[in-house]
Amino acid sequence: MESINPTQERKRQKPDWLKIQIPAGQEYSEVKQIVAEHKLHTICQSGKCPNMGECWGRGTATFMILGDICTRACRFCAVKTGKPDAVDTQEPVRVAESIKLMKLKHCVITSVDRDDLADGGSYIWAETIKAVKLLNPETTIEVLIPDFKGIVENIQRVIDEKPHVISHNVETVRRLTREVRRNSNYDRSLTVLKQIADSGTRAKSGVMLGLGETEAEVLETMDDLRTAGVLVMTIGQYLQPTKEHLEVQTFITPQQFKFYEESGLTKGFRFVESGGLVRSSYHAEKHVL
């Protein structure tokens, strides 16, 4: 399948299939106002998501709990790294209230890594899911969790609150994990996903492409995820957020993304979202069914 090499990219602009619309519209403005007034963090903003305009424009957002400073410094991620602020025990209620104000039928919640906390932040995770359910009993919930250093009790604390979908991203292929995901481990992530799937909860994961992986490695990653029990997979194009982050090695073509989608469905995934601008929460409301 065709890809664009780095030499070609330096001589041309970003491909047309990766261009996005400038955020605008009433729904976008309303979501932005609610996020600001309730002092919330969203991965849409912190992660510089290319779909923010589309998602906020239809009244959805991915909430990021436990602050906006991550204890890890993954070389692909635009979220700030450093020493996080103290845990805000009122955050779960603010998130739940905001979801109610937005009248969301489906919500997605993620977090920074909090390796500074003994429980990895899992207590606030559990309290947030409880608060959302209490104020929004008809709203379906997807959570995108960190690996909690693989500590079973902390992962289980989230599982026990029974969100509809639990996602944890492997982000890249096995060979590139050490370079791309600092302080993370490919096999540990698979173990986290297996614990989720074995609990009977729908497990979901995602990868970014364009970091130098081969087609064979992507297909192998799919097999690893299916073996772990994952039913939903997202596949998107890595876009370099700043000059300090990893460079894009290739821009994956729409044809290649389609090939991966078809391959994933053949391998037994229930849903495969595959495309240049696909991110973890893209069309997340479909993945509950």
C-alpha atoms as a PDB file:
ATOM      1  CA  MET A   1       0.000   0.000   0.000  1.00  0.00           C
ATOM      2  CA  GLU A   2       1.195   3.532  -0.779  1.00  0.00           C
ATOM      3  CA  SER A   3       2.585   5.878   1.886  1.00  0.00           C
ATOM      4  CA  ILE A   4       4.390   9.209   1.699  1.00  0.00           C
ATOM      5  CA  ASN A   5       8.014   9.205   2.869  1.00  0.00           C
ATOM      6  CA  PRO A   6       9.587  12.037   4.932  1.00  0.00           C
ATOM      7  CA  THR A   7      11.532  13.458   1.970  1.00  0.00           C
ATOM      8  CA  GLN A   8       8.334  13.827  -0.008  1.00  0.00           C
ATOM      9  CA  GLU A   9       6.567  15.424   2.958  1.00  0.00           C
ATOM     10  CA  ARG A  10       9.190  18.160   3.384  1.00  0.00           C
ATOM     11  CA  LYS A  11       8.502  19.202  -0.198  1.00  0.00           C
ATOM     12  CA  ARG A  12       4.729  19.407   0.120  1.00  0.00           C
ATOM     13  CA  GLN A  13       1.963  20.459   2.447  1.00  0.00           C
ATOM     14  CA  LYS A  14      -0.035  18.169   4.660  1.00  0.00           C
ATOM     15  CA  PRO A  15      -2.225  15.895   2.507  1.00  0.00           C
ATOM     16  CA  ASP A  16      -5.749  17.111   1.757  1.00  0.00           C
ATOM     17  CA  TRP A  17      -7.291  14.221   3.682  1.00  0.00           C
ATOM     18  CA  LEU A  18      -5.722  15.577   6.906  1.00  0.00           C
ATOM     19  CA  LYS A  19      -7.020  19.131   6.641  1.00  0.00           C
ATOM     20  CA  ILE A  20      -9.633  20.146   9.199  1.00  0.00           C
ATOM     21  CA  GLN A  21     -12.269  22.830   9.534  1.00  0.00           C
ATOM     22  CA  ILE A  22     -11.879  25.777  11.903  1.00  0.00           C
ATOM     23  CA  PRO A  23     -14.130  25.254  14.974  1.00  0.00           C
ATOM     24  CA  ALA A  24     -17.325  27.331  14.865  1.00  0.00           C
ATOM     25  CA  GLY A  25     -21.066  27.272  15.457  1.00  0.00           C
ATOM     26  CA  GLN A  26     -23.520  27.588  18.346  1.00  0.00           C
ATOM     27  CA  GLU A  27     -23.028  24.078  19.757  1.00  0.00           C
ATOM     28  CA  TYR A  28     -19.245  24.554  19.709  1.00  0.00           C
ATOM     29  CA  SER A  29     -19.569  27.861  21.576  1.00  0.00           C
ATOM     30  CA  GLU A  30     -21.923  26.368  24.177  1.00  0.00           C
ATOM     31  CA  VAL A  31     -19.608  23.437  24.920  1.00  0.00           C
ATOM     32  CA  LYS A  32     -16.628  25.789  25.161  1.00  0.00           C
ATOM     33  CA  GLN A  33     -18.518  27.992  27.630  1.00  0.00           C
ATOM     34  CA  ILE A  34     -19.547  25.071  29.847  1.00  0.00           C
ATOM     35  CA  VAL A  35     -16.005  23.702  29.913  1.00  0.00           C
ATOM     36  CA  ALA A  36     -14.630  27.114  30.911  1.00  0.00           C
ATOM     37  CA  GLU A  37     -17.287  27.927  33.522  1.00  0.00           C
ATOM     38  CA  HIS A  38     -16.895  24.572  35.289  1.00  0.00           C
ATOM     39  CA  LYS A  39     -13.086  24.710  35.197  1.00  0.00           C
ATOM     40  CA  LEU A  40     -12.899  21.433  33.336  1.00  0.00           C
ATOM     41  CA  HIS A  41     -10.055  19.957  31.339  1.00  0.00           C
ATOM     42  CA  THR A  42     -10.654  18.216  28.027  1.00  0.00           C
ATOM     43  CA  ILE A  43      -8.313  16.062  26.014  1.00  0.00           C
ATOM     44  CA  CYS A  44      -9.826  17.830  23.015  1.00  0.00           C
ATOM     45  CA  GLN A  45      -7.898  20.955  24.007  1.00  0.00           C
ATOM     46  CA  SER A  46      -4.902  19.505  25.852  1.00  0.00           C
ATOM     47  CA  GLY A  47      -4.267  16.881  23.181  1.00  0.00           C
ATOM     48  CA  LYS A  48      -4.870  19.316  20.296  1.00  0.00           C
ATOM     49  CA  CYS A  49      -7.390  16.914  18.782  1.00  0.00           C
ATOM     50  CA  PRO A  50      -8.108  17.592  15.085  1.00  0.00           C
ATOM     51  CA  ASN A  51     -11.761  16.643  15.592  1.00  0.00           C
ATOM     52  CA  MET A  52     -12.517  19.187  18.319  1.00  0.00           C
ATOM     53  CA  GLY A  53     -14.563  21.377  15.996  1.00  0.00           C
ATOM     54  CA  GLU A  54     -16.657  18.462  14.725  1.00  0.00           C
ATOM     55  CA  CYS A  55     -17.260  16.906  18.152  1.00  0.00           C
ATOM     56  CA  TRP A  56     -17.919  20.123  20.033  1.00  0.00           C
ATOM     57  CA  GLY A  57     -20.092  21.214  17.142  1.00  0.00           C
ATOM     58  CA  ARG A  58     -22.412  18.270  17.813  1.00  0.00           C
ATOM     59  CA  GLY A  59     -22.360  18.872  21.570  1.00  0.00           C
ATOM     60  CA  THR A  60     -19.880  16.227  22.700  1.00  0.00           C
ATOM     61  CA  ALA A  61     -16.526  16.450  24.450  1.00  0.00           C
ATOM     62  CA  THR A  62     -13.993  14.114  26.059  1.00  0.00           C
ATOM     63  CA  PHE A  63     -13.440  15.156  29.662  1.00  0.00           C
ATOM     64  CA  MET A  64      -9.977  14.809  31.198  1.00  0.00           C
ATOM     65  CA  ILE A  65      -9.899  14.300  34.958  1.00  0.00           C
ATOM     66  CA  LEU A  66      -7.124  14.480  37.575  1.00  0.00           C
ATOM     67  CA  GLY A  67      -5.804  17.762  36.230  1.00  0.00           C
ATOM     68  CA  ASP A  68      -4.010  18.610  33.019  1.00  0.00           C
ATOM     69  CA  ILE A  69      -0.405  17.775  33.967  1.00  0.00           C
ATOM     70  CA  CYS A  70       0.828  14.237  33.296  1.00  0.00           C
ATOM     71  CA  THR A  71       3.605  12.476  35.206  1.00  0.00           C
ATOM     72  CA  ARG A  72       4.830  10.788  32.040  1.00  0.00           C
ATOM     73  CA  ALA A  73       6.462  12.406  29.033  1.00  0.00           C
ATOM     74  CA  CYS A  74       5.414  10.318  26.053  1.00  0.00           C
ATOM     75  CA  ARG A  75       7.070  11.603  22.911  1.00  0.00           C
ATOM     76  CA  PHE A  76       3.853  11.751  20.875  1.00  0.00           C
ATOM     77  CA  CYS A  77       1.559  13.511  23.340  1.00  0.00           C
ATOM     78  CA  ALA A  78       0.731  17.218  23.557  1.00  0.00           C
ATOM     79  CA  VAL A  79      -0.504  17.066  27.179  1.00  0.00           C
ATOM     80  CA  LYS A  80       1.715  18.990  29.624  1.00  0.00           C
ATOM     81  CA  THR A  81       4.143  16.984  31.761  1.00  0.00           C
ATOM     82  CA  GLY A  82       5.602  17.765  35.165  1.00  0.00           C
ATOM     83  CA  LYS A  83       4.495  17.791  38.808  1.00  0.00           C
ATOM     84  CA  PRO A  84       0.681  17.668  38.938  1.00  0.00           C
ATOM     85  CA  ASP A  85      -1.487  19.770  41.235  1.00  0.00           C
ATOM     86  CA  ALA A  86      -3.224  18.253  44.248  1.00  0.00           C
ATOM     87  CA  VAL A  87      -6.242  16.056  43.521  1.00  0.00           C
ATOM     88  CA  ASP A  88      -9.490  18.046  43.298  1.00  0.00           C
ATOM     89  CA  THR A  89     -12.122  16.040  45.147  1.00  0.00           C
ATOM     90  CA  GLN A  90     -14.907  18.223  43.719  1.00  0.00           C
ATOM     91  CA  GLU A  91     -13.981  17.396  40.144  1.00  0.00           C
ATOM     92  CA  PRO A  92     -16.268  14.331  39.821  1.00  0.00           C
ATOM     93  CA  VAL A  93     -19.366  16.409  40.633  1.00  0.00           C
ATOM     94  CA  ARG A  94     -18.365  19.201  38.233  1.00  0.00           C
ATOM     95  CA  VAL A  95     -17.894  16.707  35.419  1.00  0.00           C
ATOM     96  CA  ALA A  96     -21.262  15.089  36.139  1.00  0.00           C
ATOM     97  CA  GLU A  97     -23.030  18.456  36.263  1.00  0.00           C
ATOM     98  CA  SER A  98     -21.457  19.521  32.979  1.00  0.00           C
ATOM     99  CA  ILE A  99     -22.592  16.339  31.259  1.00  0.00           C
ATOM    100  CA  LYS A 100     -26.113  17.049  32.477  1.00  0.00           C
ATOM    101  CA  LEU A 101     -25.966  20.634  31.190  1.00  0.00           C
ATOM    102  CA  MET A 102     -24.785  19.405  27.795  1.00  0.00           C
ATOM    103  CA  LYS A 103     -27.600  16.823  27.747  1.00  0.00           C
ATOM    104  CA  LEU A 104     -25.188  14.177  26.508  1.00  0.00           C
ATOM    105  CA  LYS A 105     -26.506  10.751  25.583  1.00  0.00           C
ATOM    106  CA  HIS A 106     -22.949   9.416  25.632  1.00  0.00           C
ATOM    107  CA  CYS A 107     -19.865  10.749  27.391  1.00  0.00           C
ATOM    108  CA  VAL A 108     -16.163   9.930  27.241  1.00  0.00           C
ATOM    109  CA  ILE A 109     -13.831  10.469  30.181  1.00  0.00           C
ATOM    110  CA  THR A 110     -10.052  10.143  30.199  1.00  0.00           C
ATOM    111  CA  SER A 111      -7.223  11.281  32.475  1.00  0.00           C
ATOM    112  CA  VAL A 112      -3.573  12.128  32.673  1.00  0.00           C
ATOM    113  CA  ASP A 113      -1.227   9.541  34.202  1.00  0.00           C
ATOM    114  CA  ARG A 114      -0.863  10.119  37.944  1.00  0.00           C
ATOM    115  CA  ASP A 115       2.090   7.948  38.904  1.00  0.00           C
ATOM    116  CA  ASP A 116       2.597  10.280  41.878  1.00  0.00           C
ATOM    117  CA  LEU A 117      -0.502   8.857  43.574  1.00  0.00           C
ATOM    118  CA  ALA A 118      -0.504   5.530  45.405  1.00  0.00           C
ATOM    119  CA  ASP A 119      -3.779   4.536  43.746  1.00  0.00           C
ATOM    120  CA  GLY A 120      -2.843   6.059  40.383  1.00  0.00           C
ATOM    121  CA  GLY A 121      -5.938   8.241  40.641  1.00  0.00           C
ATOM    122  CA  SER A 122      -8.310   5.281  40.550  1.00  0.00           C
ATOM    123  CA  TYR A 123     -10.353   6.547  43.514  1.00  0.00           C
ATOM    124  CA  ILE A 124     -11.224   9.782  41.665  1.00  0.00           C
ATOM    125  CA  TRP A 125     -11.922   7.681  38.583  1.00  0.00           C
ATOM    126  CA  ALA A 126     -14.456   5.620  40.534  1.00  0.00           C
ATOM    127  CA  GLU A 127     -16.038   8.680  42.136  1.00  0.00           C
ATOM    128  CA  THR A 128     -16.388  10.374  38.738  1.00  0.00           C
ATOM    129  CA  ILE A 129     -18.197   7.404  37.192  1.00  0.00           C
ATOM    130  CA  LYS A 130     -20.502   7.220  40.240  1.00  0.00           C
ATOM    131  CA  ALA A 131     -21.304  10.945  40.028  1.00  0.00           C
ATOM    132  CA  VAL A 132     -22.002  10.787  36.292  1.00  0.00           C
ATOM    133  CA  LYS A 133     -24.347   7.833  36.744  1.00  0.00           C
ATOM    134  CA  LEU A 134     -26.183   9.523  39.619  1.00  0.00           C
ATOM    135  CA  LEU A 135     -26.897  12.755  37.737  1.00  0.00           C
ATOM    136  CA  ASN A 136     -27.169  11.230  34.259  1.00  0.00           C
ATOM    137  CA  PRO A 137     -28.771   7.770  34.590  1.00  0.00           C
ATOM    138  CA  GLU A 138     -29.606   7.590  30.874  1.00  0.00           C
ATOM    139  CA  THR A 139     -26.125   8.590  29.676  1.00  0.00           C
ATOM    140  CA  THR A 140     -23.815   5.838  28.463  1.00  0.00           C
ATOM    141  CA  ILE A 141     -20.200   6.080  29.609  1.00  0.00           C
ATOM    142  CA  GLU A 142     -16.874   5.292  27.983  1.00  0.00           C
ATOM    143  CA  VAL A 143     -13.663   5.690  29.963  1.00  0.00           C
ATOM    144  CA  LEU A 144     -10.168   5.849  28.485  1.00  0.00           C
ATOM    145  CA  ILE A 145      -7.860   4.843  31.318  1.00  0.00           C
ATOM    146  CA  PRO A 146      -4.095   4.809  31.919  1.00  0.00           C
ATOM    147  CA  ASP A 147      -2.346   1.544  32.755  1.00  0.00           C
ATOM    148  CA  PHE A 148      -2.199   2.258  36.526  1.00  0.00           C
ATOM    149  CA  LYS A 149       1.270   0.628  36.370  1.00  0.00           C
ATOM    150  CA  GLY A 150      -0.556  -2.633  35.850  1.00  0.00           C
ATOM    151  CA  ILE A 151      -1.763  -2.738  39.481  1.00  0.00           C
ATOM    152  CA  VAL A 152      -4.763  -5.050  39.398  1.00  0.00           C
ATOM    153  CA  GLU A 153      -6.659  -3.463  42.318  1.00  0.00           C
ATOM    154  CA  ASN A 154      -6.548   0.004  40.772  1.00  0.00           C
ATOM    155  CA  ILE A 155      -7.752  -1.243  37.401  1.00  0.00           C
ATOM    156  CA  GLN A 156     -10.481  -3.251  39.104  1.00  0.00           C
ATOM    157  CA  ARG A 157     -11.670  -0.176  41.014  1.00  0.00           C
ATOM    158  CA  VAL A 158     -12.660   1.365  37.662  1.00  0.00           C
ATOM    159  CA  ILE A 159     -14.106  -1.866  36.282  1.00  0.00           C
ATOM    160  CA  ASP A 160     -16.299  -2.294  39.373  1.00  0.00           C
ATOM    161  CA  GLU A 161     -18.146   0.958  38.591  1.00  0.00           C
ATOM    162  CA  LYS A 162     -19.341  -0.650  35.333  1.00  0.00           C
ATOM    163  CA  PRO A 163     -18.861   1.969  32.618  1.00  0.00           C
ATOM    164  CA  HIS A 164     -20.220   0.724  29.310  1.00  0.00           C
ATOM    165  CA  VAL A 165     -16.848   0.746  27.523  1.00  0.00           C
ATOM    166  CA  ILE A 166     -13.325   0.772  28.969  1.00  0.00           C
ATOM    167  CA  SER A 167     -10.564   1.822  26.626  1.00  0.00           C
ATOM    168  CA  HIS A 168      -6.807   1.707  27.061  1.00  0.00           C
ATOM    169  CA  ASN A 169      -4.571   2.546  24.127  1.00  0.00           C
ATOM    170  CA  VAL A 170      -1.454   0.609  23.186  1.00  0.00           C
ATOM    171  CA  GLU A 171      -0.736   3.653  20.958  1.00  0.00           C
ATOM    172  CA  THR A 172       1.861   1.969  18.722  1.00  0.00           C
ATOM    173  CA  VAL A 173       3.369  -1.377  17.739  1.00  0.00           C
ATOM    174  CA  ARG A 174       5.533  -3.428  20.094  1.00  0.00           C
ATOM    175  CA  ARG A 175       8.872  -2.451  18.499  1.00  0.00           C
ATOM    176  CA  LEU A 176       8.268   1.290  18.847  1.00  0.00           C
ATOM    177  CA  THR A 177       6.696   1.314  22.318  1.00  0.00           C
ATOM    178  CA  ARG A 178       9.838   2.154  24.296  1.00  0.00           C
ATOM    179  CA  GLU A 179      10.627   5.097  22.021  1.00  0.00           C
ATOM    180  CA  VAL A 180       7.075   6.424  21.791  1.00  0.00           C
ATOM    181  CA  ARG A 181       5.573   5.721  25.237  1.00  0.00           C
ATOM    182  CA  ARG A 182       7.976   6.524  28.042  1.00  0.00           C
ATOM    183  CA  ASN A 183       7.435   4.555  31.274  1.00  0.00           C
ATOM    184  CA  SER A 184       4.895   2.346  29.505  1.00  0.00           C
ATOM    185  CA  ASN A 185       5.043  -1.269  28.422  1.00  0.00           C
ATOM    186  CA  TYR A 186       3.324  -3.006  25.497  1.00  0.00           C
ATOM    187  CA  ASP A 187       2.696  -6.289  27.305  1.00  0.00           C
ATOM    188  CA  ARG A 188       1.494  -4.490  30.427  1.00  0.00           C
ATOM    189  CA  SER A 189      -1.091  -2.686  28.307  1.00  0.00           C
ATOM    190  CA  LEU A 190      -2.271  -5.990  26.863  1.00  0.00           C
ATOM    191  CA  THR A 191      -2.620  -7.359  30.401  1.00  0.00           C
ATOM    192  CA  VAL A 192      -4.737  -4.339  31.377  1.00  0.00           C
ATOM    193  CA  LEU A 193      -6.970  -4.900  28.355  1.00  0.00           C
ATOM    194  CA  LYS A 194      -7.311  -8.604  29.124  1.00  0.00           C
ATOM    195  CA  GLN A 195      -8.405  -7.813  32.689  1.00  0.00           C
ATOM    196  CA  ILE A 196     -11.063  -5.482  31.284  1.00  0.00           C
ATOM    197  CA  ALA A 197     -12.295  -7.986  28.702  1.00  0.00           C
ATOM    198  CA  ASP A 198     -12.291 -10.889  31.165  1.00  0.00           C
ATOM    199  CA  SER A 199     -14.593  -8.864  33.445  1.00  0.00           C
ATOM    200  CA  GLY A 200     -17.259  -8.847  30.730  1.00  0.00           C
ATOM    201  CA  THR A 201     -16.797  -5.136  29.997  1.00  0.00           C
ATOM    202  CA  ARG A 202     -16.368  -4.075  26.375  1.00  0.00           C
ATOM    203  CA  ALA A 203     -12.632  -3.465  25.863  1.00  0.00           C
ATOM    204  CA  LYS A 204     -11.328  -0.929  23.359  1.00  0.00           C
ATOM    205  CA  SER A 205      -7.865   0.177  22.237  1.00  0.00           C
ATOM    206  CA  GLY A 206      -6.195   2.342  19.624  1.00  0.00           C
ATOM    207  CA  VAL A 207      -2.991   3.024  17.724  1.00  0.00           C
ATOM    208  CA  MET A 208      -1.407   5.935  15.854  1.00  0.00           C
ATOM    209  CA  LEU A 209       0.272   5.294  12.518  1.00  0.00           C
ATOM    210  CA  GLY A 210       3.039   7.139  10.734  1.00  0.00           C
ATOM    211  CA  LEU A 211       5.774   6.579  13.326  1.00  0.00           C
ATOM    212  CA  GLY A 212       7.744   4.092  11.268  1.00  0.00           C
ATOM    213  CA  GLU A 213       5.724   0.928  11.825  1.00  0.00           C
ATOM    214  CA  THR A 214       5.316  -1.655   9.074  1.00  0.00           C
ATOM    215  CA  GLU A 215       2.057  -3.081   7.770  1.00  0.00           C
ATOM    216  CA  ALA A 216       2.978  -6.477   9.215  1.00  0.00           C
ATOM    217  CA  GLU A 217       3.505  -4.910  12.652  1.00  0.00           C
ATOM    218  CA  VAL A 218       0.094  -3.227  12.552  1.00  0.00           C
ATOM    219  CA  LEU A 219      -1.579  -6.520  11.675  1.00  0.00           C
ATOM    220  CA  GLU A 220       0.361  -8.235  14.463  1.00  0.00           C
ATOM    221  CA  THR A 221      -0.867  -5.584  16.912  1.00  0.00           C
ATOM    222  CA  MET A 222      -4.424  -6.296  15.817  1.00  0.00           C
ATOM    223  CA  ASP A 223      -3.883  -9.979  16.551  1.00  0.00           C
ATOM    224  CA  ASP A 224      -2.453  -9.153  19.996  1.00  0.00           C
ATOM    225  CA  LEU A 225      -5.462  -6.990  20.822  1.00  0.00           C
ATOM    226  CA  ARG A 226      -7.940  -9.641  19.692  1.00  0.00           C
ATOM    227  CA  THR A 227      -6.129 -12.255  21.800  1.00  0.00           C
ATOM    228  CA  ALA A 228      -6.556  -9.923  24.789  1.00  0.00           C
ATOM    229  CA  GLY A 229     -10.294  -9.770  24.082  1.00  0.00           C
ATOM    230  CA  VAL A 230     -10.503  -6.277  22.597  1.00  0.00           C
ATOM    231  CA  LEU A 231     -13.633  -5.716  20.479  1.00  0.00           C
ATOM    232  CA  VAL A 232     -13.228  -2.091  19.394  1.00  0.00           C
ATOM    233  CA  MET A 233     -10.153  -0.558  17.745  1.00  0.00           C
ATOM    234  CA  THR A 234      -9.311   2.938  16.549  1.00  0.00           C
ATOM    235  CA  ILE A 235      -6.549   3.643  14.024  1.00  0.00           C
ATOM    236  CA  GLY A 236      -5.445   7.179  13.214  1.00  0.00           C
ATOM    237  CA  GLN A 237      -2.610   9.239  11.773  1.00  0.00           C
ATOM    238  CA  TYR A 238       0.046  10.557  14.171  1.00  0.00           C
ATOM    239  CA  LEU A 239       0.435  14.321  13.821  1.00  0.00           C
ATOM    240  CA  GLN A 240       3.462  15.980  15.419  1.00  0.00           C
ATOM    241  CA  PRO A 241       2.114  18.492  18.004  1.00  0.00           C
ATOM    242  CA  THR A 242       5.368  20.485  18.430  1.00  0.00           C
ATOM    243  CA  LYS A 243       8.958  20.424  17.189  1.00  0.00           C
ATOM    244  CA  GLU A 244       9.978  18.755  20.463  1.00  0.00           C
ATOM    245  CA  HIS A 245       7.835  15.706  19.720  1.00  0.00           C
ATOM    246  CA  LEU A 246       8.547  12.768  17.433  1.00  0.00           C
ATOM    247  CA  GLU A 247       8.545  13.572  13.732  1.00  0.00           C
ATOM    248  CA  VAL A 248       6.016  12.042  11.374  1.00  0.00           C
ATOM    249  CA  GLN A 249       7.725   9.341   9.336  1.00  0.00           C
ATOM    250  CA  THR A 250       4.889   8.683   6.899  1.00  0.00           C
ATOM    251  CA  PHE A 251       1.427   9.970   6.058  1.00  0.00           C
ATOM    252  CA  ILE A 252      -0.829   6.953   5.692  1.00  0.00           C
ATOM    253  CA  THR A 253      -3.150   7.075   2.687  1.00  0.00           C
ATOM    254  CA  PRO A 254      -6.945   6.662   2.902  1.00  0.00           C
ATOM    255  CA  GLN A 255      -6.583   3.419   0.942  1.00  0.00           C
ATOM    256  CA  GLN A 256      -4.228   2.001   3.568  1.00  0.00           C
ATOM    257  CA  PHE A 257      -6.563   3.019   6.386  1.00  0.00           C
ATOM    258  CA  LYS A 258      -9.405   1.249   4.572  1.00  0.00           C
ATOM    259  CA  PHE A 259      -7.266  -1.863   4.272  1.00  0.00           C
ATOM    260  CA  TYR A 260      -6.664  -1.848   8.042  1.00  0.00           C
ATOM    261  CA  GLU A 261     -10.374  -1.362   8.719  1.00  0.00           C
ATOM    262  CA  GLU A 262     -11.304  -4.341   6.566  1.00  0.00           C
ATOM    263  CA  SER A 263      -8.505  -6.446   8.051  1.00  0.00           C
ATOM    264  CA  GLY A 264      -9.643  -5.645  11.583  1.00  0.00           C
ATOM    265  CA  LEU A 265     -13.235  -6.600  10.897  1.00  0.00           C
ATOM    266  CA  THR A 266     -12.047  -9.851   9.345  1.00  0.00           C
ATOM    267  CA  LYS A 267     -10.040 -10.563  12.504  1.00  0.00           C
ATOM    268  CA  GLY A 268     -13.178 -10.262  14.612  1.00  0.00           C
ATOM    269  CA  PHE A 269     -13.288  -6.707  15.940  1.00  0.00           C
ATOM    270  CA  ARG A 270     -16.864  -5.484  16.379  1.00  0.00           C
ATOM    271  CA  PHE A 271     -15.934  -1.948  15.361  1.00  0.00           C
ATOM    272  CA  VAL A 272     -12.853  -0.524  13.616  1.00  0.00           C
ATOM    273  CA  GLU A 273     -12.570   3.256  13.204  1.00  0.00           C
ATOM    274  CA  SER A 274      -9.708   3.765  10.764  1.00  0.00           C
ATOM    275  CA  GLY A 275      -8.781   7.054   9.120  1.00  0.00           C
ATOM    276  CA  GLY A 276      -6.348   9.935   9.152  1.00  0.00           C
ATOM    277  CA  LEU A 277      -8.246  12.061  11.673  1.00  0.00           C
ATOM    278  CA  VAL A 278      -9.582   9.212  13.823  1.00  0.00           C
ATOM    279  CA  ARG A 279      -8.820   9.536  17.535  1.00  0.00           C
ATOM    280  CA  SER A 280      -9.763   7.402  20.540  1.00  0.00           C
ATOM    281  CA  SER A 281     -13.172   8.939  21.147  1.00  0.00           C
ATOM    282  CA  TYR A 282     -14.133   9.451  17.511  1.00  0.00           C
ATOM    283  CA  HIS A 283     -17.717   8.194  17.006  1.00  0.00           C
ATOM    284  CA  ALA A 284     -17.454   6.668  20.473  1.00  0.00           C
ATOM    285  CA  GLU A 285     -21.230   6.644  20.919  1.00  0.00           C
ATOM    286  CA  LYS A 286     -21.449   3.819  18.318  1.00  0.00           C
ATOM    287  CA  HIS A 287     -19.117   1.534  20.249  1.00  0.00           C
ATOM    288  CA  VAL A 288     -21.552   0.850  23.094  1.00  0.00           C
ATOM    289  CA  LEU A 289     -23.894  -1.194  20.900  1.00  0.00           C
END
